[in-house]
């Protein structure tokens, strides 16, 4: 979770963020920030985030992002 919050804070400096901060509904994540976030998450966690994964519910807050990453890591590990 801390890794995700660190990435979010890097992308949105000066914005108070915790694991429950609404990212989509509060418009903290705009389209450009979302693209950058997906790239950083993919690189940091060595997962593939597809367009089908980029749904508001998967990026609603840091907890939702962590759950998405957990699912993608499990999928990746199952494929290995």
PDB file of N, CA and C in Angstrom:
ATOM      1  N   UNK A   1       0.821  -1.191   0.000  1.00  0.00           N
ATOM      2  CA  UNK A   1       0.000   0.000   0.000  1.00  0.00           C
ATOM      3  C   UNK A   1       0.868   1.259   0.000  1.00  0.00           C
ATOM      4  N   UNK A   2       1.944   1.235   0.792  1.00  0.00           N
ATOM      5  CA  UNK A   2       2.802   2.416   0.858  1.00  0.00           C
ATOM      6  C   UNK A   2       3.441   2.725  -0.485  1.00  0.00           C
ATOM      7  N   UNK A   3       3.803   1.673  -1.237  1.00  0.00           N
ATOM      8  CA  UNK A   3       4.382   1.891  -2.570  1.00  0.00           C
ATOM      9  C   UNK A   3       3.394   2.615  -3.477  1.00  0.00           C
ATOM     10  N   UNK A   4       2.139   2.222  -3.398  1.00  0.00           N
ATOM     11  CA  UNK A   4       1.105   2.851  -4.219  1.00  0.00           C
ATOM     12  C   UNK A   4       0.906   4.300  -3.793  1.00  0.00           C
ATOM     13  N   UNK A   5       0.836   4.538  -2.495  1.00  0.00           N
ATOM     14  CA  UNK A   5       0.677   5.914  -2.009  1.00  0.00           C
ATOM     15  C   UNK A   5       1.877   6.774  -2.395  1.00  0.00           C
ATOM     16  N   UNK A   6       3.058   6.198  -2.369  1.00  0.00           N
ATOM     17  CA  UNK A   6       4.261   6.940  -2.764  1.00  0.00           C
ATOM     18  C   UNK A   6       4.187   7.344  -4.238  1.00  0.00           C
ATOM     19  N   UNK A   7       3.745   6.434  -5.083  1.00  0.00           N
ATOM     20  CA  UNK A   7       3.593   6.740  -6.511  1.00  0.00           C
ATOM     21  C   UNK A   7       2.554   7.838  -6.701  1.00  0.00           C
ATOM     22  N   UNK A   8       1.426   7.716  -6.014  1.00  0.00           N
ATOM     23  CA  UNK A   8       0.381   8.732  -6.127  1.00  0.00           C
ATOM     24  C   UNK A   8       0.872  10.097  -5.658  1.00  0.00           C
ATOM     25  N   UNK A   9       1.620  10.117  -4.571  1.00  0.00           N
ATOM     26  CA  UNK A   9       2.143  11.385  -4.054  1.00  0.00           C
ATOM     27  C   UNK A   9       3.166  11.997  -5.000  1.00  0.00           C
ATOM     28  N   UNK A  10       3.923  11.147  -5.675  1.00  0.00           N
ATOM     29  CA  UNK A  10       4.883  11.632  -6.676  1.00  0.00           C
ATOM     30  C   UNK A  10       4.148  12.276  -7.858  1.00  0.00           C
ATOM     31  N   UNK A  11       3.045  11.646  -8.256  1.00  0.00           N
ATOM     32  CA  UNK A  11       2.269  12.162  -9.387  1.00  0.00           C
ATOM     33  C   UNK A  11       1.455  13.395  -9.021  1.00  0.00           C
ATOM     34  N   UNK A  12       1.040  13.501  -7.764  1.00  0.00           N
ATOM     35  CA  UNK A  12       0.185  14.607  -7.313  1.00  0.00           C
ATOM     36  C   UNK A  12       0.786  15.254  -6.069  1.00  0.00           C
ATOM     37  N   UNK A  13       1.959  15.866  -6.212  1.00  0.00           N
ATOM     38  CA  UNK A  13       2.589  16.487  -5.039  1.00  0.00           C
ATOM     39  C   UNK A  13       1.689  17.573  -4.446  1.00  0.00           C
ATOM     40  N   UNK A  14       1.696  17.640  -3.145  1.00  0.00           N
ATOM     41  CA  UNK A  14       0.913  18.658  -2.466  1.00  0.00           C
ATOM     42  C   UNK A  14      -0.525  18.266  -2.198  1.00  0.00           C
ATOM     43  N   UNK A  15      -0.971  17.130  -2.731  1.00  0.00           N
ATOM     44  CA  UNK A  15      -2.333  16.656  -2.486  1.00  0.00           C
ATOM     45  C   UNK A  15      -2.284  15.689  -1.310  1.00  0.00           C
ATOM     46  N   UNK A  16      -3.106  15.945  -0.309  1.00  0.00           N
ATOM     47  CA  UNK A  16      -3.168  15.057   0.854  1.00  0.00           C
ATOM     48  C   UNK A  16      -3.833  13.751   0.445  1.00  0.00           C
ATOM     49  N   UNK A  17      -3.090  12.659   0.541  1.00  0.00           N
ATOM     50  CA  UNK A  17      -3.594  11.358   0.107  1.00  0.00           C
ATOM     51  C   UNK A  17      -3.431  10.323   1.203  1.00  0.00           C
ATOM     52  N   UNK A  18      -4.435   9.482   1.357  1.00  0.00           N
ATOM     53  CA  UNK A  18      -4.312   8.285   2.179  1.00  0.00           C
ATOM     54  C   UNK A  18      -4.998   7.158   1.423  1.00  0.00           C
ATOM     55  N   UNK A  19      -5.090   5.999   2.025  1.00  0.00           N
ATOM     56  CA  UNK A  19      -5.607   4.832   1.302  1.00  0.00           C
ATOM     57  C   UNK A  19      -7.075   4.950   0.914  1.00  0.00           C
ATOM     58  N   UNK A  20      -7.806   5.846   1.554  1.00  0.00           N
ATOM     59  CA  UNK A  20      -9.227   5.993   1.263  1.00  0.00           C
ATOM     60  C   UNK A  20      -9.575   7.254   0.469  1.00  0.00           C
ATOM     61  N   UNK A  21      -8.597   8.054   0.130  1.00  0.00           N
ATOM     62  CA  UNK A  21      -8.856   9.280  -0.623  1.00  0.00           C
ATOM     63  C   UNK A  21      -9.486   8.934  -1.968  1.00  0.00           C
ATOM     64  N   UNK A  22     -10.631   9.538  -2.243  1.00  0.00           N
ATOM     65  CA  UNK A  22     -11.311   9.323  -3.521  1.00  0.00           C
ATOM     66  C   UNK A  22     -10.482   9.952  -4.641  1.00  0.00           C
ATOM     67  N   UNK A  23     -10.020   9.133  -5.563  1.00  0.00           N
ATOM     68  CA  UNK A  23      -9.156   9.622  -6.632  1.00  0.00           C
ATOM     69  C   UNK A  23      -9.924   9.975  -7.897  1.00  0.00           C
ATOM     70  N   UNK A  24     -10.920   9.192  -8.215  1.00  0.00           N
ATOM     71  CA  UNK A  24     -11.675   9.411  -9.454  1.00  0.00           C
ATOM     72  C   UNK A  24     -12.785  10.431  -9.217  1.00  0.00           C
ATOM     73  N   UNK A  25     -13.617  10.183  -8.218  1.00  0.00           N
ATOM     74  CA  UNK A  25     -14.755  11.068  -7.967  1.00  0.00           C
ATOM     75  C   UNK A  25     -14.329  12.486  -7.611  1.00  0.00           C
ATOM     76  N   UNK A  26     -13.178  12.624  -6.964  1.00  0.00           N
ATOM     77  CA  UNK A  26     -12.698  13.957  -6.605  1.00  0.00           C
ATOM     78  C   UNK A  26     -11.841  14.572  -7.705  1.00  0.00           C
ATOM     79  N   UNK A  27     -11.667  13.830  -8.777  1.00  0.00           N
ATOM     80  CA  UNK A  27     -10.912  14.278  -9.963  1.00  0.00           C
ATOM     81  C   UNK A  27      -9.446  14.538  -9.673  1.00  0.00           C
ATOM     82  N   UNK A  28      -8.910  13.839  -8.703  1.00  0.00           N
ATOM     83  CA  UNK A  28      -7.467  13.901  -8.474  1.00  0.00           C
ATOM     84  C   UNK A  28      -6.752  13.251  -9.654  1.00  0.00           C
ATOM     85  N   UNK A  29      -7.349  12.172 -10.168  1.00  0.00           N
ATOM     86  CA  UNK A  29      -6.784  11.504 -11.336  1.00  0.00           C
ATOM     87  C   UNK A  29      -7.468  12.010 -12.598  1.00  0.00           C
ATOM     88  N   UNK A  30      -6.727  12.737 -13.423  1.00  0.00           N
ATOM     89  CA  UNK A  30      -7.235  13.104 -14.740  1.00  0.00           C
ATOM     90  C   UNK A  30      -6.653  12.112 -15.741  1.00  0.00           C
ATOM     91  N   UNK A  31      -6.981  12.264 -17.004  1.00  0.00           N
ATOM     92  CA  UNK A  31      -6.572  11.264 -17.995  1.00  0.00           C
ATOM     93  C   UNK A  31      -5.053  11.160 -18.125  1.00  0.00           C
ATOM     94  N   UNK A  32      -4.360  12.276 -18.107  1.00  0.00           N
ATOM     95  CA  UNK A  32      -2.899  12.246 -18.222  1.00  0.00           C
ATOM     96  C   UNK A  32      -2.268  11.604 -16.991  1.00  0.00           C
ATOM     97  N   UNK A  33      -2.750  11.964 -15.822  1.00  0.00           N
ATOM     98  CA  UNK A  33      -2.231  11.374 -14.591  1.00  0.00           C
ATOM     99  C   UNK A  33      -2.521   9.884 -14.564  1.00  0.00           C
ATOM    100  N   UNK A  34      -3.675   9.488 -15.058  1.00  0.00           N
ATOM    101  CA  UNK A  34      -4.027   8.067 -15.104  1.00  0.00           C
ATOM    102  C   UNK A  34      -3.041   7.297 -15.979  1.00  0.00           C
ATOM    103  N   UNK A  35      -2.700   7.855 -17.130  1.00  0.00           N
ATOM    104  CA  UNK A  35      -1.730   7.197 -18.014  1.00  0.00           C
ATOM    105  C   UNK A  35      -0.373   7.049 -17.324  1.00  0.00           C
ATOM    106  N   UNK A  36       0.056   8.092 -16.678  1.00  0.00           N
ATOM    107  CA  UNK A  36       1.332   8.044 -15.964  1.00  0.00           C
ATOM    108  C   UNK A  36       1.278   7.043 -14.816  1.00  0.00           C
ATOM    109  N   UNK A  37       0.156   7.012 -14.109  1.00  0.00           N
ATOM    110  CA  UNK A  37      -0.021   6.085 -12.996  1.00  0.00           C
ATOM    111  C   UNK A  37       0.035   4.642 -13.482  1.00  0.00           C
ATOM    112  N   UNK A  38      -0.669   4.343 -14.551  1.00  0.00           N
ATOM    113  CA  UNK A  38      -0.667   2.981 -15.094  1.00  0.00           C
ATOM    114  C   UNK A  38       0.751   2.566 -15.470  1.00  0.00           C
ATOM    115  N   UNK A  39       1.501   3.459 -16.095  1.00  0.00           N
ATOM    116  CA  UNK A  39       2.875   3.152 -16.461  1.00  0.00           C
ATOM    117  C   UNK A  39       3.752   2.878 -15.250  1.00  0.00           C
ATOM    118  N   UNK A  40       3.629   3.706 -14.235  1.00  0.00           N
ATOM    119  CA  UNK A  40       4.437   3.532 -13.024  1.00  0.00           C
ATOM    120  C   UNK A  40       4.050   2.261 -12.271  1.00  0.00           C
ATOM    121  N   UNK A  41       2.755   1.979 -12.177  1.00  0.00           N
ATOM    122  CA  UNK A  41       2.315   0.755 -11.508  1.00  0.00           C
ATOM    123  C   UNK A  41       2.790  -0.481 -12.256  1.00  0.00           C
ATOM    124  N   UNK A  42       2.684  -0.447 -13.578  1.00  0.00           N
ATOM    125  CA  UNK A  42       3.122  -1.580 -14.396  1.00  0.00           C
ATOM    126  C   UNK A  42       4.599  -1.858 -14.173  1.00  0.00           C
ATOM    127  N   UNK A  43       5.382  -0.804 -14.164  1.00  0.00           N
ATOM    128  CA  UNK A  43       6.819  -0.935 -13.982  1.00  0.00           C
ATOM    129  C   UNK A  43       7.168  -1.375 -12.564  1.00  0.00           C
ATOM    130  N   UNK A  44       6.603  -0.730 -11.583  1.00  0.00           N
ATOM    131  CA  UNK A  44       6.920  -1.011 -10.178  1.00  0.00           C
ATOM    132  C   UNK A  44       6.553  -2.429  -9.769  1.00  0.00           C
ATOM    133  N   UNK A  45       5.386  -2.901 -10.215  1.00  0.00           N
ATOM    134  CA  UNK A  45       4.887  -4.204  -9.772  1.00  0.00           C
ATOM    135  C   UNK A  45       5.030  -5.296 -10.830  1.00  0.00           C
ATOM    136  N   UNK A  46       5.629  -4.934 -11.973  1.00  0.00           N
ATOM    137  CA  UNK A  46       5.864  -5.885 -13.062  1.00  0.00           C
ATOM    138  C   UNK A  46       4.582  -6.622 -13.458  1.00  0.00           C
ATOM    139  N   UNK A  47       3.544  -5.833 -13.720  1.00  0.00           N
ATOM    140  CA  UNK A  47       2.255  -6.369 -14.156  1.00  0.00           C
ATOM    141  C   UNK A  47       1.845  -5.674 -15.451  1.00  0.00           C
ATOM    142  N   UNK A  48       0.920  -6.296 -16.146  1.00  0.00           N
ATOM    143  CA  UNK A  48       0.351  -5.705 -17.350  1.00  0.00           C
ATOM    144  C   UNK A  48      -1.043  -5.203 -16.997  1.00  0.00           C
ATOM    145  N   UNK A  49      -1.231  -3.898 -17.105  1.00  0.00           N
ATOM    146  CA  UNK A  49      -2.539  -3.294 -16.864  1.00  0.00           C
ATOM    147  C   UNK A  49      -3.127  -2.979 -18.226  1.00  0.00           C
ATOM    148  N   UNK A  50      -4.196  -3.686 -18.575  1.00  0.00           N
ATOM    149  CA  UNK A  50      -4.809  -3.512 -19.889  1.00  0.00           C
ATOM    150  C   UNK A  50      -5.904  -2.443 -19.820  1.00  0.00           C
ATOM    151  N   UNK A  51      -6.383  -2.066 -20.983  1.00  0.00           N
ATOM    152  CA  UNK A  51      -7.478  -1.092 -21.055  1.00  0.00           C
ATOM    153  C   UNK A  51      -8.704  -1.614 -20.302  1.00  0.00           C
ATOM    154  N   UNK A  52      -8.901  -2.926 -20.301  1.00  0.00           N
ATOM    155  CA  UNK A  52     -10.037  -3.513 -19.579  1.00  0.00           C
ATOM    156  C   UNK A  52      -9.910  -3.351 -18.070  1.00  0.00           C
ATOM    157  N   UNK A  53      -8.676  -3.173 -17.586  1.00  0.00           N
ATOM    158  CA  UNK A  53      -8.445  -2.988 -16.157  1.00  0.00           C
ATOM    159  C   UNK A  53      -8.649  -1.539 -15.718  1.00  0.00           C
ATOM    160  N   UNK A  54      -8.591  -0.619 -16.677  1.00  0.00           N
ATOM    161  CA  UNK A  54      -8.677   0.806 -16.344  1.00  0.00           C
ATOM    162  C   UNK A  54     -10.146   1.208 -16.234  1.00  0.00           C
ATOM    163  N   UNK A  55     -10.693   0.872 -15.082  1.00  0.00           N
ATOM    164  CA  UNK A  55     -12.088   1.169 -14.754  1.00  0.00           C
ATOM    165  C   UNK A  55     -12.115   2.050 -13.519  1.00  0.00           C
ATOM    166  N   UNK A  56     -13.092   2.923 -13.406  1.00  0.00           N
ATOM    167  CA  UNK A  56     -13.160   3.803 -12.229  1.00  0.00           C
ATOM    168  C   UNK A  56     -13.097   3.045 -10.905  1.00  0.00           C
ATOM    169  N   UNK A  57     -13.753   1.893 -10.832  1.00  0.00           N
ATOM    170  CA  UNK A  57     -13.757   1.154  -9.563  1.00  0.00           C
ATOM    171  C   UNK A  57     -12.375   0.598  -9.209  1.00  0.00           C
ATOM    172  N   UNK A  58     -11.519   0.358 -10.193  1.00  0.00           N
ATOM    173  CA  UNK A  58     -10.173  -0.141  -9.912  1.00  0.00           C
ATOM    174  C   UNK A  58      -9.209   0.966  -9.475  1.00  0.00           C
ATOM    175  N   UNK A  59      -9.595   2.220  -9.697  1.00  0.00           N
ATOM    176  CA  UNK A  59      -8.741   3.352  -9.366  1.00  0.00           C
ATOM    177  C   UNK A  59      -9.454   4.351  -8.455  1.00  0.00           C
ATOM    178  N   UNK A  60     -10.500   3.897  -7.774  1.00  0.00           N
ATOM    179  CA  UNK A  60     -11.296   4.770  -6.911  1.00  0.00           C
ATOM    180  C   UNK A  60     -10.462   5.349  -5.774  1.00  0.00           C
ATOM    181  N   UNK A  61      -9.574   4.535  -5.215  1.00  0.00           N
ATOM    182  CA  UNK A  61      -8.698   4.966  -4.122  1.00  0.00           C
ATOM    183  C   UNK A  61      -7.503   4.014  -4.076  1.00  0.00           C
ATOM    184  N   UNK A  62      -6.565   4.263  -3.194  1.00  0.00           N
ATOM    185  CA  UNK A  62      -5.357   3.436  -3.134  1.00  0.00           C
ATOM    186  C   UNK A  62      -5.681   1.990  -2.764  1.00  0.00           C
ATOM    187  N   UNK A  63      -6.701   1.794  -1.956  1.00  0.00           N
ATOM    188  CA  UNK A  63      -7.098   0.417  -1.598  1.00  0.00           C
ATOM    189  C   UNK A  63      -7.572  -0.352  -2.829  1.00  0.00           C
ATOM    190  N   UNK A  64      -8.349   0.301  -3.675  1.00  0.00           N
ATOM    191  CA  UNK A  64      -8.828  -0.339  -4.899  1.00  0.00           C
ATOM    192  C   UNK A  64      -7.664  -0.640  -5.841  1.00  0.00           C
ATOM    193  N   UNK A  65      -6.712   0.273  -5.921  1.00  0.00           N
ATOM    194  CA  UNK A  65      -5.535   0.045  -6.757  1.00  0.00           C
ATOM    195  C   UNK A  65      -4.740  -1.144  -6.216  1.00  0.00           C
ATOM    196  N   UNK A  66      -4.574  -1.217  -4.909  1.00  0.00           N
ATOM    197  CA  UNK A  66      -3.855  -2.340  -4.297  1.00  0.00           C
ATOM    198  C   UNK A  66      -4.545  -3.664  -4.607  1.00  0.00           C
ATOM    199  N   UNK A  67      -5.862  -3.685  -4.557  1.00  0.00           N
ATOM    200  CA  UNK A  67      -6.609  -4.904  -4.877  1.00  0.00           C
ATOM    201  C   UNK A  67      -6.400  -5.289  -6.338  1.00  0.00           C
ATOM    202  N   UNK A  68      -6.404  -4.296  -7.231  1.00  0.00           N
ATOM    203  CA  UNK A  68      -6.145  -4.563  -8.648  1.00  0.00           C
ATOM    204  C   UNK A  68      -4.750  -5.147  -8.823  1.00  0.00           C
ATOM    205  N   UNK A  69      -3.760  -4.532  -8.211  1.00  0.00           N
ATOM    206  CA  UNK A  69      -2.383  -5.022  -8.320  1.00  0.00           C
ATOM    207  C   UNK A  69      -2.281  -6.445  -7.786  1.00  0.00           C
ATOM    208  N   UNK A  70      -2.923  -6.723  -6.667  1.00  0.00           N
ATOM    209  CA  UNK A  70      -2.912  -8.078  -6.099  1.00  0.00           C
ATOM    210  C   UNK A  70      -3.479  -9.083  -7.096  1.00  0.00           C
ATOM    211  N   UNK A  71      -4.588  -8.740  -7.740  1.00  0.00           N
ATOM    212  CA  UNK A  71      -5.194  -9.641  -8.735  1.00  0.00           C
ATOM    213  C   UNK A  71      -4.255  -9.846  -9.923  1.00  0.00           C
ATOM    214  N   UNK A  72      -3.640  -8.769 -10.397  1.00  0.00           N
ATOM    215  CA  UNK A  72      -2.753  -8.871 -11.554  1.00  0.00           C
ATOM    216  C   UNK A  72      -1.484  -9.652 -11.227  1.00  0.00           C
ATOM    217  N   UNK A  73      -0.955  -9.482 -10.033  1.00  0.00           N
ATOM    218  CA  UNK A  73       0.218 -10.254  -9.616  1.00  0.00           C
ATOM    219  C   UNK A  73      -0.139 -11.734  -9.525  1.00  0.00           C
ATOM    220  N   UNK A  74      -1.292 -12.048  -8.958  1.00  0.00           N
ATOM    221  CA  UNK A  74      -1.735 -13.438  -8.850  1.00  0.00           C
ATOM    222  C   UNK A  74      -1.915 -14.047 -10.236  1.00  0.00           C
ATOM    223  N   UNK A  75      -2.502 -13.290 -11.159  1.00  0.00           N
ATOM    224  CA  UNK A  75      -2.689 -13.765 -12.531  1.00  0.00           C
ATOM    225  C   UNK A  75      -1.341 -14.026 -13.186  1.00  0.00           C
ATOM    226  N   UNK A  76      -0.414 -13.076 -13.005  1.00  0.00           N
ATOM    227  CA  UNK A  76       0.921 -13.223 -13.586  1.00  0.00           C
ATOM    228  C   UNK A  76       1.614 -14.462 -13.033  1.00  0.00           C
ATOM    229  N   UNK A  77       1.530 -14.650 -11.726  1.00  0.00           N
ATOM    230  CA  UNK A  77       2.189 -15.775 -11.096  1.00  0.00           C
ATOM    231  C   UNK A  77       1.565 -17.102 -11.513  1.00  0.00           C
ATOM    232  N   UNK A  78       0.257 -17.111 -11.738  1.00  0.00           N
ATOM    233  CA  UNK A  78      -0.419 -18.327 -12.201  1.00  0.00           C
ATOM    234  C   UNK A  78       0.020 -18.705 -13.612  1.00  0.00           C
ATOM    235  N   UNK A  79       0.342 -17.697 -14.407  1.00  0.00           N
ATOM    236  CA  UNK A  79       0.749 -17.933 -15.794  1.00  0.00           C
ATOM    237  C   UNK A  79       2.183 -18.431 -15.898  1.00  0.00           C
ATOM    238  N   UNK A  80       2.988 -18.165 -14.864  1.00  0.00           N
ATOM    239  CA  UNK A  80       4.414 -18.583 -14.892  1.00  0.00           C
ATOM    240  C   UNK A  80       4.573 -20.028 -14.613  1.00  0.00           C
TER     241      UNK A  80
END
